[in-house]
Amino acid sequence: MKILVINGPNINFLGIREKNVYGTQDYNYLKKLITEGSAKRCCKTEIYQSNHEGAIIDRIQEAYYDGTEGIIINPGAYTHYSYAIRDALASVEIPKVEVHISDITARESFRANSVTAEVCDAQIYGKGLEGYLIAMDKLIEIKENCKD
């Protein structure tokens, strides 16, 4: 299975920003976790990160053409207000799982609202970096269920 992992703004600052919320592991650790988890699941995974809304939209649209079979997305703060990213996700008929490292329902009230979750097949939050692996398993499950 070919999976695209998209990380939005500030995810590249893991281990630097708000360690009490996001932990002390850095972005390289996350990329290694995803790569190793992908290999164990016999998946091919591309990891993409951008702090720019338009670049994220462009990458989602590229996924439509490049054989991507599943998308894991952590839109960062765009989760709460980017209707443009929401529309890009809605436009591609690829299974999608939204991931958040922290429990977005237990933080500031604005974080509990996700405009992107409604166009994803699942949402994982509050599981730390392991949430990405849970999302990977969910995509594999979705793909297997589509074969029936």
N, C-alpha and C. Protein backbone atom coordinates (compact mmCIF):
# COMPACT_ATOMS: atom_id res chain seq x y z
N MET A 1 0.85 -1.19 0.00
CA MET A 1 0.00 0.00 0.00
C MET A 1 0.89 1.24 0.00
N LYS A 2 0.55 2.19 -0.83
CA LYS A 2 1.31 3.45 -0.91
C LYS A 2 0.57 4.51 -0.09
N ILE A 3 1.24 4.97 0.97
CA ILE A 3 0.64 5.93 1.90
C ILE A 3 1.41 7.25 1.86
N LEU A 4 0.66 8.33 1.84
CA LEU A 4 1.23 9.67 1.93
C LEU A 4 0.90 10.22 3.31
N VAL A 5 1.94 10.63 4.04
CA VAL A 5 1.77 11.26 5.34
C VAL A 5 2.04 12.74 5.16
N ILE A 6 1.03 13.56 5.42
CA ILE A 6 1.15 15.01 5.29
C ILE A 6 1.13 15.64 6.68
N ASN A 7 2.15 16.41 6.98
CA ASN A 7 2.22 17.15 8.23
C ASN A 7 2.18 18.64 7.94
N GLY A 8 1.28 19.32 8.63
CA GLY A 8 1.11 20.75 8.42
C GLY A 8 2.03 21.59 9.27
N PRO A 9 1.63 22.84 9.50
CA PRO A 9 2.49 23.82 10.14
C PRO A 9 2.94 23.42 11.54
N ASN A 10 4.20 23.68 11.78
CA ASN A 10 4.86 23.52 13.07
C ASN A 10 5.13 22.09 13.49
N ILE A 11 4.68 21.11 12.72
CA ILE A 11 4.97 19.72 13.08
C ILE A 11 6.48 19.48 12.98
N ASN A 12 7.13 20.19 12.08
CA ASN A 12 8.59 20.09 11.96
C ASN A 12 9.31 20.62 13.20
N PHE A 13 8.58 21.26 14.10
CA PHE A 13 9.17 21.80 15.34
C PHE A 13 8.92 20.89 16.54
N LEU A 14 8.57 19.63 16.28
CA LEU A 14 8.44 18.69 17.39
C LEU A 14 9.74 18.65 18.18
N GLY A 15 9.63 18.51 19.48
CA GLY A 15 10.80 18.49 20.34
C GLY A 15 11.31 19.88 20.70
N ILE A 16 10.77 20.88 20.02
CA ILE A 16 11.15 22.27 20.26
C ILE A 16 9.97 23.02 20.87
N ARG A 17 8.81 22.86 20.28
CA ARG A 17 7.63 23.62 20.70
C ARG A 17 6.82 22.85 21.75
N GLU A 18 6.31 23.55 22.70
CA GLU A 18 5.38 23.02 23.69
C GLU A 18 5.62 21.55 24.04
N LYS A 19 6.77 21.29 24.61
CA LYS A 19 7.16 19.92 24.95
C LYS A 19 6.16 19.26 25.90
N ASN A 20 5.52 20.07 26.73
CA ASN A 20 4.52 19.51 27.65
C ASN A 20 3.28 18.99 26.92
N VAL A 21 3.07 19.44 25.70
CA VAL A 21 1.92 19.01 24.90
C VAL A 21 2.33 17.96 23.88
N TYR A 22 3.45 18.20 23.18
CA TYR A 22 3.84 17.36 22.05
C TYR A 22 4.99 16.41 22.34
N GLY A 23 5.58 16.50 23.53
CA GLY A 23 6.67 15.61 23.89
C GLY A 23 8.03 16.14 23.49
N THR A 24 9.04 15.35 23.78
CA THR A 24 10.42 15.78 23.56
C THR A 24 11.05 15.17 22.32
N GLN A 25 10.37 14.21 21.71
CA GLN A 25 10.92 13.61 20.49
C GLN A 25 10.82 14.61 19.35
N ASP A 26 11.87 14.65 18.51
CA ASP A 26 11.89 15.63 17.43
C ASP A 26 11.27 15.07 16.14
N TYR A 27 11.22 15.90 15.12
CA TYR A 27 10.58 15.53 13.86
C TYR A 27 11.30 14.36 13.19
N ASN A 28 12.62 14.33 13.30
CA ASN A 28 13.36 13.20 12.72
C ASN A 28 12.95 11.89 13.38
N TYR A 29 12.69 11.92 14.68
CA TYR A 29 12.21 10.73 15.38
C TYR A 29 10.87 10.29 14.81
N LEU A 30 9.96 11.25 14.59
CA LEU A 30 8.66 10.93 14.02
C LEU A 30 8.82 10.30 12.64
N LYS A 31 9.66 10.88 11.81
CA LYS A 31 9.86 10.34 10.46
C LYS A 31 10.40 8.91 10.52
N LYS A 32 11.32 8.66 11.44
CA LYS A 32 11.88 7.31 11.60
C LYS A 32 10.80 6.35 12.08
N LEU A 33 9.98 6.77 13.03
CA LEU A 33 8.89 5.95 13.55
C LEU A 33 7.94 5.55 12.41
N ILE A 34 7.58 6.52 11.58
CA ILE A 34 6.68 6.26 10.45
C ILE A 34 7.33 5.33 9.44
N THR A 35 8.58 5.60 9.10
CA THR A 35 9.29 4.78 8.11
C THR A 35 9.43 3.34 8.59
N GLU A 36 9.81 3.15 9.83
CA GLU A 36 9.96 1.79 10.37
C GLU A 36 8.60 1.11 10.49
N GLY A 37 7.59 1.85 10.93
CA GLY A 37 6.24 1.28 11.03
C GLY A 37 5.70 0.88 9.68
N SER A 38 6.00 1.68 8.68
CA SER A 38 5.57 1.40 7.32
C SER A 38 6.24 0.13 6.80
N ALA A 39 7.53 -0.01 7.04
CA ALA A 39 8.26 -1.19 6.58
C ALA A 39 7.70 -2.46 7.23
N LYS A 40 7.38 -2.39 8.51
CA LYS A 40 6.82 -3.56 9.22
C LYS A 40 5.46 -3.95 8.64
N ARG A 41 4.76 -3.00 8.07
CA ARG A 41 3.43 -3.25 7.51
C ARG A 41 3.48 -3.47 5.99
N CYS A 42 4.70 -3.55 5.47
CA CYS A 42 4.92 -3.75 4.02
C CYS A 42 4.26 -2.65 3.19
N CYS A 43 4.32 -1.44 3.70
CA CYS A 43 3.79 -0.29 2.98
C CYS A 43 4.93 0.57 2.47
N LYS A 44 4.64 1.34 1.45
CA LYS A 44 5.57 2.35 0.96
C LYS A 44 5.00 3.69 1.42
N THR A 45 5.80 4.46 2.14
CA THR A 45 5.29 5.70 2.71
C THR A 45 6.16 6.88 2.32
N GLU A 46 5.49 7.93 1.89
CA GLU A 46 6.16 9.22 1.66
C GLU A 46 5.73 10.16 2.77
N ILE A 47 6.68 10.89 3.34
CA ILE A 47 6.39 11.85 4.39
C ILE A 47 6.62 13.25 3.82
N TYR A 48 5.61 14.09 3.97
CA TYR A 48 5.66 15.44 3.44
C TYR A 48 5.27 16.42 4.55
N GLN A 49 5.98 17.53 4.64
CA GLN A 49 5.65 18.55 5.64
C GLN A 49 5.74 19.92 5.00
N SER A 50 4.76 20.77 5.31
CA SER A 50 4.81 22.16 4.87
C SER A 50 4.10 23.04 5.87
N ASN A 51 4.61 24.24 6.00
CA ASN A 51 3.98 25.26 6.82
C ASN A 51 3.04 26.13 5.99
N HIS A 52 2.86 25.78 4.71
CA HIS A 52 2.10 26.61 3.77
C HIS A 52 0.84 25.89 3.27
N GLU A 53 -0.27 26.53 3.45
CA GLU A 53 -1.56 25.95 3.09
C GLU A 53 -1.61 25.52 1.62
N GLY A 54 -1.21 26.39 0.72
CA GLY A 54 -1.27 26.07 -0.70
C GLY A 54 -0.40 24.89 -1.08
N ALA A 55 0.76 24.76 -0.45
CA ALA A 55 1.65 23.63 -0.73
C ALA A 55 1.00 22.32 -0.28
N ILE A 56 0.30 22.35 0.84
CA ILE A 56 -0.40 21.15 1.32
C ILE A 56 -1.51 20.77 0.34
N ILE A 57 -2.24 21.76 -0.14
CA ILE A 57 -3.30 21.51 -1.12
C ILE A 57 -2.70 20.93 -2.40
N ASP A 58 -1.60 21.51 -2.86
CA ASP A 58 -0.94 20.99 -4.06
C ASP A 58 -0.56 19.52 -3.89
N ARG A 59 -0.03 19.17 -2.71
CA ARG A 59 0.41 17.78 -2.49
C ARG A 59 -0.78 16.83 -2.42
N ILE A 60 -1.89 17.26 -1.84
CA ILE A 60 -3.10 16.44 -1.82
C ILE A 60 -3.57 16.19 -3.25
N GLN A 61 -3.56 17.22 -4.07
CA GLN A 61 -3.99 17.06 -5.46
C GLN A 61 -3.04 16.15 -6.24
N GLU A 62 -1.75 16.26 -6.00
CA GLU A 62 -0.78 15.38 -6.65
C GLU A 62 -1.04 13.91 -6.30
N ALA A 63 -1.50 13.68 -5.07
CA ALA A 63 -1.78 12.31 -4.62
C ALA A 63 -2.82 11.63 -5.50
N TYR A 64 -3.71 12.41 -6.07
CA TYR A 64 -4.74 11.86 -6.96
C TYR A 64 -4.12 11.17 -8.17
N TYR A 65 -2.98 11.70 -8.64
CA TYR A 65 -2.35 11.21 -9.86
C TYR A 65 -1.20 10.24 -9.63
N ASP A 66 -0.62 10.21 -8.43
CA ASP A 66 0.65 9.48 -8.26
C ASP A 66 0.52 8.07 -7.67
N GLY A 67 -0.69 7.56 -7.61
CA GLY A 67 -0.87 6.19 -7.11
C GLY A 67 -1.00 6.07 -5.61
N THR A 68 -1.12 7.19 -4.91
CA THR A 68 -1.32 7.15 -3.46
C THR A 68 -2.61 6.39 -3.16
N GLU A 69 -2.52 5.46 -2.19
CA GLU A 69 -3.68 4.64 -1.84
C GLU A 69 -4.27 5.00 -0.48
N GLY A 70 -3.60 5.86 0.26
CA GLY A 70 -4.09 6.30 1.55
C GLY A 70 -3.34 7.53 2.00
N ILE A 71 -4.05 8.42 2.68
CA ILE A 71 -3.44 9.66 3.19
C ILE A 71 -3.63 9.73 4.70
N ILE A 72 -2.54 9.99 5.38
CA ILE A 72 -2.57 10.34 6.80
C ILE A 72 -2.23 11.82 6.84
N ILE A 73 -3.09 12.61 7.47
CA ILE A 73 -2.84 14.05 7.50
C ILE A 73 -2.97 14.59 8.92
N ASN A 74 -1.97 15.35 9.31
CA ASN A 74 -2.03 16.16 10.52
C ASN A 74 -1.98 17.61 10.02
N PRO A 75 -3.14 18.23 9.84
CA PRO A 75 -3.15 19.58 9.28
C PRO A 75 -2.67 20.66 10.23
N GLY A 76 -2.28 20.30 11.45
CA GLY A 76 -1.87 21.31 12.42
C GLY A 76 -3.01 22.28 12.65
N ALA A 77 -2.68 23.54 12.82
CA ALA A 77 -3.70 24.56 13.09
C ALA A 77 -4.69 24.73 11.95
N TYR A 78 -4.32 24.32 10.73
CA TYR A 78 -5.26 24.40 9.61
C TYR A 78 -6.50 23.53 9.84
N THR A 79 -6.38 22.56 10.73
CA THR A 79 -7.50 21.69 11.08
C THR A 79 -8.75 22.48 11.40
N HIS A 80 -8.56 23.60 12.07
CA HIS A 80 -9.67 24.32 12.67
C HIS A 80 -10.32 25.36 11.76
N TYR A 81 -9.68 25.66 10.62
CA TYR A 81 -10.27 26.72 9.80
C TYR A 81 -9.98 26.64 8.31
N SER A 82 -9.20 25.67 7.84
CA SER A 82 -8.86 25.66 6.42
C SER A 82 -9.89 24.89 5.61
N TYR A 83 -10.87 25.64 5.11
CA TYR A 83 -11.85 25.04 4.22
C TYR A 83 -11.20 24.69 2.88
N ALA A 84 -10.10 25.34 2.55
CA ALA A 84 -9.40 25.02 1.31
C ALA A 84 -8.75 23.63 1.40
N ILE A 85 -8.12 23.31 2.52
CA ILE A 85 -7.56 21.97 2.70
C ILE A 85 -8.69 20.95 2.80
N ARG A 86 -9.76 21.30 3.49
CA ARG A 86 -10.93 20.43 3.58
C ARG A 86 -11.45 20.08 2.19
N ASP A 87 -11.59 21.09 1.33
CA ASP A 87 -12.10 20.86 -0.01
C ASP A 87 -11.14 20.01 -0.85
N ALA A 88 -9.84 20.23 -0.67
CA ALA A 88 -8.86 19.41 -1.39
C ALA A 88 -8.97 17.95 -0.96
N LEU A 89 -9.10 17.71 0.34
CA LEU A 89 -9.27 16.34 0.84
C LEU A 89 -10.55 15.72 0.30
N ALA A 90 -11.62 16.49 0.27
CA ALA A 90 -12.90 15.98 -0.22
C ALA A 90 -12.85 15.64 -1.70
N SER A 91 -11.98 16.30 -2.43
CA SER A 91 -11.95 16.12 -3.87
C SER A 91 -11.22 14.86 -4.32
N VAL A 92 -10.46 14.23 -3.44
CA VAL A 92 -9.73 13.01 -3.82
C VAL A 92 -10.38 11.81 -3.16
N GLU A 93 -10.73 10.83 -3.98
CA GLU A 93 -11.37 9.62 -3.46
C GLU A 93 -10.29 8.61 -3.06
N ILE A 94 -9.57 8.98 -2.02
CA ILE A 94 -8.51 8.17 -1.44
C ILE A 94 -8.84 8.07 0.05
N PRO A 95 -8.73 6.90 0.67
CA PRO A 95 -8.97 6.83 2.12
C PRO A 95 -8.03 7.78 2.87
N LYS A 96 -8.60 8.48 3.86
CA LYS A 96 -7.87 9.50 4.59
C LYS A 96 -8.12 9.36 6.09
N VAL A 97 -7.04 9.53 6.87
CA VAL A 97 -7.15 9.53 8.33
C VAL A 97 -6.47 10.79 8.85
N GLU A 98 -7.21 11.54 9.65
CA GLU A 98 -6.66 12.74 10.28
C GLU A 98 -6.04 12.34 11.62
N VAL A 99 -4.86 12.87 11.89
CA VAL A 99 -4.12 12.55 13.12
C VAL A 99 -3.76 13.83 13.87
N HIS A 100 -3.87 13.75 15.18
CA HIS A 100 -3.38 14.82 16.06
C HIS A 100 -2.63 14.17 17.21
N ILE A 101 -1.48 14.69 17.51
CA ILE A 101 -0.62 14.14 18.55
C ILE A 101 -1.27 14.33 19.92
N SER A 102 -1.80 15.51 20.16
CA SER A 102 -2.43 15.81 21.45
C SER A 102 -3.92 15.51 21.39
N ASP A 103 -4.55 15.53 22.54
CA ASP A 103 -6.00 15.36 22.61
C ASP A 103 -6.62 16.72 22.35
N ILE A 104 -7.04 16.94 21.12
CA ILE A 104 -7.56 18.26 20.73
C ILE A 104 -8.86 18.60 21.44
N THR A 105 -9.54 17.60 21.99
CA THR A 105 -10.80 17.86 22.70
C THR A 105 -10.56 18.32 24.14
N ALA A 106 -9.34 18.18 24.63
CA ALA A 106 -9.04 18.54 26.02
C ALA A 106 -8.19 19.80 26.12
N ARG A 107 -8.06 20.51 25.01
CA ARG A 107 -7.24 21.72 25.00
C ARG A 107 -8.14 22.94 24.83
N GLU A 108 -7.63 24.02 24.29
CA GLU A 108 -8.44 25.22 24.08
C GLU A 108 -9.68 24.86 23.26
N SER A 109 -10.77 25.54 23.52
CA SER A 109 -12.05 25.17 22.90
C SER A 109 -12.00 25.20 21.36
N PHE A 110 -11.25 26.13 20.77
CA PHE A 110 -11.21 26.21 19.31
C PHE A 110 -10.59 24.96 18.69
N ARG A 111 -9.74 24.26 19.44
CA ARG A 111 -9.06 23.09 18.88
C ARG A 111 -9.98 21.88 18.73
N ALA A 112 -11.07 21.86 19.45
CA ALA A 112 -11.99 20.72 19.38
C ALA A 112 -12.72 20.66 18.04
N ASN A 113 -12.78 21.78 17.33
CA ASN A 113 -13.48 21.83 16.05
C ASN A 113 -12.50 21.51 14.91
N SER A 114 -12.85 20.50 14.13
CA SER A 114 -12.05 20.15 12.96
C SER A 114 -12.92 20.26 11.72
N VAL A 115 -12.54 21.14 10.81
CA VAL A 115 -13.29 21.26 9.56
C VAL A 115 -12.84 20.19 8.56
N THR A 116 -11.71 19.57 8.82
CA THR A 116 -11.18 18.56 7.90
C THR A 116 -11.62 17.15 8.26
N ALA A 117 -11.96 16.89 9.50
CA ALA A 117 -12.31 15.52 9.94
C ALA A 117 -13.52 14.97 9.18
N GLU A 118 -14.47 15.82 8.86
CA GLU A 118 -15.70 15.33 8.23
C GLU A 118 -15.48 14.77 6.83
N VAL A 119 -14.34 15.07 6.21
CA VAL A 119 -14.05 14.51 4.89
C VAL A 119 -12.97 13.43 4.96
N CYS A 120 -12.64 13.02 6.18
CA CYS A 120 -11.70 11.92 6.39
C CYS A 120 -12.48 10.69 6.86
N ASP A 121 -11.90 9.53 6.69
CA ASP A 121 -12.55 8.29 7.08
C ASP A 121 -12.45 8.02 8.58
N ALA A 122 -11.47 8.63 9.22
CA ALA A 122 -11.29 8.45 10.67
C ALA A 122 -10.46 9.61 11.20
N GLN A 123 -10.53 9.78 12.51
CA GLN A 123 -9.73 10.80 13.19
C GLN A 123 -9.11 10.14 14.42
N ILE A 124 -7.80 10.31 14.57
CA ILE A 124 -7.06 9.77 15.71
C ILE A 124 -6.47 10.98 16.45
N TYR A 125 -6.70 11.06 17.75
CA TYR A 125 -6.09 12.15 18.53
C TYR A 125 -5.77 11.69 19.93
N GLY A 126 -4.76 12.35 20.51
CA GLY A 126 -4.41 12.08 21.90
C GLY A 126 -3.59 10.82 22.11
N LYS A 127 -3.05 10.25 21.06
CA LYS A 127 -2.26 9.01 21.17
C LYS A 127 -0.76 9.27 21.00
N GLY A 128 -0.38 10.54 21.01
CA GLY A 128 1.03 10.86 20.81
C GLY A 128 1.47 10.51 19.40
N LEU A 129 2.76 10.31 19.24
CA LEU A 129 3.29 10.00 17.92
C LEU A 129 2.81 8.64 17.43
N GLU A 130 2.46 7.75 18.34
CA GLU A 130 1.93 6.43 17.98
C GLU A 130 0.63 6.55 17.18
N GLY A 131 -0.02 7.69 17.28
CA GLY A 131 -1.24 7.91 16.51
C GLY A 131 -1.04 7.74 15.02
N TYR A 132 0.17 8.04 14.55
CA TYR A 132 0.46 7.87 13.12
C TYR A 132 0.43 6.39 12.74
N LEU A 133 0.93 5.53 13.62
CA LEU A 133 0.92 4.09 13.36
C LEU A 133 -0.50 3.54 13.44
N ILE A 134 -1.28 4.05 14.38
CA ILE A 134 -2.68 3.67 14.47
C ILE A 134 -3.41 4.07 13.19
N ALA A 135 -3.10 5.25 12.69
CA ALA A 135 -3.70 5.73 11.44
C ALA A 135 -3.30 4.83 10.27
N MET A 136 -2.06 4.40 10.25
CA MET A 136 -1.59 3.51 9.20
C MET A 136 -2.39 2.20 9.23
N ASP A 137 -2.57 1.66 10.43
CA ASP A 137 -3.35 0.42 10.57
C ASP A 137 -4.79 0.64 10.11
N LYS A 138 -5.33 1.80 10.41
CA LYS A 138 -6.71 2.11 9.99
C LYS A 138 -6.81 2.15 8.47
N LEU A 139 -5.83 2.76 7.81
CA LEU A 139 -5.85 2.80 6.34
C LEU A 139 -5.77 1.40 5.74
N ILE A 140 -4.92 0.56 6.32
CA ILE A 140 -4.80 -0.82 5.85
C ILE A 140 -6.13 -1.55 6.03
N GLU A 141 -6.77 -1.34 7.16
CA GLU A 141 -8.09 -1.93 7.42
C GLU A 141 -9.13 -1.47 6.41
N ILE A 142 -9.14 -0.18 6.13
CA ILE A 142 -10.08 0.38 5.14
C ILE A 142 -9.85 -0.24 3.78
N LYS A 143 -8.59 -0.33 3.38
CA LYS A 143 -8.26 -0.91 2.06
C LYS A 143 -8.69 -2.36 1.99
N GLU A 144 -8.45 -3.13 3.06
CA GLU A 144 -8.83 -4.54 3.08
C GLU A 144 -10.35 -4.69 3.01
N ASN A 145 -11.07 -3.82 3.68
CA ASN A 145 -12.54 -3.88 3.66
C ASN A 145 -13.10 -3.52 2.28
N CYS A 146 -12.38 -2.73 1.52
CA CYS A 146 -12.82 -2.35 0.17
C CYS A 146 -12.71 -3.51 -0.81
N LYS A 147 -11.89 -4.52 -0.48
CA LYS A 147 -11.70 -5.67 -1.36
C LYS A 147 -12.91 -6.59 -1.34
N ASP A 148 -13.67 -6.52 -0.26
CA ASP A 148 -14.83 -7.43 -0.10
C ASP A 148 -15.93 -7.11 -1.08
